[in-house]
Amino acid sequence: GSILGYKRSKANQYNHTALLKIDGVVTKNEVEFYLGKKMAYVYKAKTLKKGTFFRCIWGKVMRAHGNTGTVKAKFTSNLPPSSLGGSVRV
């Protein structure tokens, strides 16, 4: 899937919840299969840790957002702004 942005209103942004579009999911009913599923945002860092340059932030699908298959998800730590527009593994 892809990261669309953070949960927000007109004036406020809530970084603890991310909005995601899961590939191939087009309706609210199709989202039900993914509720509670784990997802991983994998990214590459500059420094070597635990023998790898890759890091991962784990998250979970919480609920649907609208009627077009978009979902709200929470991650163990908030997603960094550089992740917006990036991809996530479900």
Protein backbone atom coordinates (compact mmCIF):
# COMPACT_ATOMS: atom_id res chain seq x y z
CA GLY A 1 0.00 0.00 0.00
CA SER A 2 0.95 3.66 0.00
CA ILE A 3 1.03 6.31 2.72
CA LEU A 4 -1.29 9.22 1.95
CA GLY A 5 -0.66 11.39 5.00
CA TYR A 6 -1.63 11.89 8.61
CA LYS A 7 -5.15 12.05 10.06
CA ARG A 8 -6.12 15.73 10.00
CA SER A 9 -8.80 18.34 10.12
CA LYS A 10 -8.77 21.77 8.53
CA ALA A 11 -6.40 23.29 11.07
CA ASN A 12 -4.95 20.35 13.02
CA GLN A 13 -2.86 17.33 12.13
CA TYR A 14 -2.79 14.14 14.21
CA ASN A 15 0.55 12.40 13.65
CA HIS A 16 -0.33 9.33 15.72
CA THR A 17 -2.68 8.07 12.98
CA ALA A 18 -1.68 7.59 9.33
CA LEU A 19 -3.99 7.33 6.31
CA LEU A 20 -3.07 4.53 3.91
CA LYS A 21 -4.31 3.24 0.58
CA ILE A 22 -4.05 -0.55 0.29
CA ASP A 23 -3.55 -1.78 -3.29
CA GLY A 24 -6.61 -3.50 -4.77
CA VAL A 25 -9.00 -2.37 -2.01
CA VAL A 26 -11.78 -0.18 -3.41
CA THR A 27 -14.73 -0.43 -0.99
CA LYS A 28 -15.42 -0.21 2.72
CA ASN A 29 -16.49 -3.88 2.75
CA GLU A 30 -13.13 -5.02 1.36
CA VAL A 31 -11.36 -3.17 4.18
CA GLU A 32 -12.87 -5.53 6.80
CA PHE A 33 -10.42 -8.29 5.81
CA TYR A 34 -7.46 -6.02 6.66
CA LEU A 35 -8.70 -4.73 10.04
CA GLY A 36 -6.20 -5.65 12.75
CA LYS A 37 -3.59 -6.79 10.23
CA LYS A 38 0.04 -5.82 10.83
CA MET A 39 1.95 -3.66 8.39
CA ALA A 40 5.57 -2.64 8.09
CA TYR A 41 7.13 0.61 6.91
CA VAL A 42 10.63 -0.43 5.81
CA TYR A 43 13.25 2.23 5.15
CA LYS A 44 16.97 2.51 4.70
CA ALA A 45 19.20 4.36 7.20
CA LYS A 46 22.76 5.67 6.94
CA THR A 47 24.23 3.88 9.95
CA LEU A 48 24.65 0.13 10.37
CA LYS A 49 22.67 -1.35 13.27
CA LYS A 50 22.28 -5.05 14.07
CA GLY A 51 24.18 -5.84 10.87
CA THR A 52 21.76 -4.09 8.48
CA PHE A 53 21.01 -0.68 7.04
CA PHE A 54 17.28 -1.41 6.87
CA ARG A 55 14.90 -0.39 9.66
CA CYS A 56 11.23 -1.09 10.18
CA ILE A 57 8.33 0.61 11.94
CA TRP A 58 5.45 -1.80 12.67
CA GLY A 59 1.83 -0.74 12.56
CA LYS A 60 -1.72 -2.04 12.60
CA VAL A 61 -4.83 -1.29 10.52
CA MET A 62 -7.37 0.28 12.88
CA ARG A 63 -10.44 1.20 10.80
CA ALA A 64 -11.75 2.36 7.44
CA HIS A 65 -11.55 6.00 6.35
CA GLY A 66 -14.37 6.91 3.99
CA ASN A 67 -15.99 4.62 1.44
CA THR A 68 -13.17 4.13 -1.08
CA GLY A 69 -10.97 1.61 0.74
CA THR A 70 -8.65 4.03 2.52
CA VAL A 71 -7.65 2.93 6.05
CA LYS A 72 -6.43 4.53 9.27
CA ALA A 73 -3.43 2.87 10.88
CA LYS A 74 -1.37 3.37 14.01
CA PHE A 75 2.36 2.66 14.14
CA THR A 76 4.55 1.84 17.16
CA SER A 77 6.26 5.18 16.69
CA ASN A 78 4.78 7.92 14.54
CA LEU A 79 5.74 7.77 10.87
CA PRO A 80 8.37 10.36 9.87
CA PRO A 81 7.37 13.08 7.38
CA SER A 82 9.81 11.60 4.85
CA SER A 83 7.58 8.50 4.71
CA LEU A 84 4.59 10.37 3.24
CA GLY A 85 3.94 9.14 -0.29
CA GLY A 86 6.09 6.09 0.39
CA SER A 87 5.08 2.47 0.42
CA VAL A 88 4.10 0.16 3.26
CA ARG A 89 3.92 -3.66 3.39
CA VAL A 90 0.66 -5.19 4.57
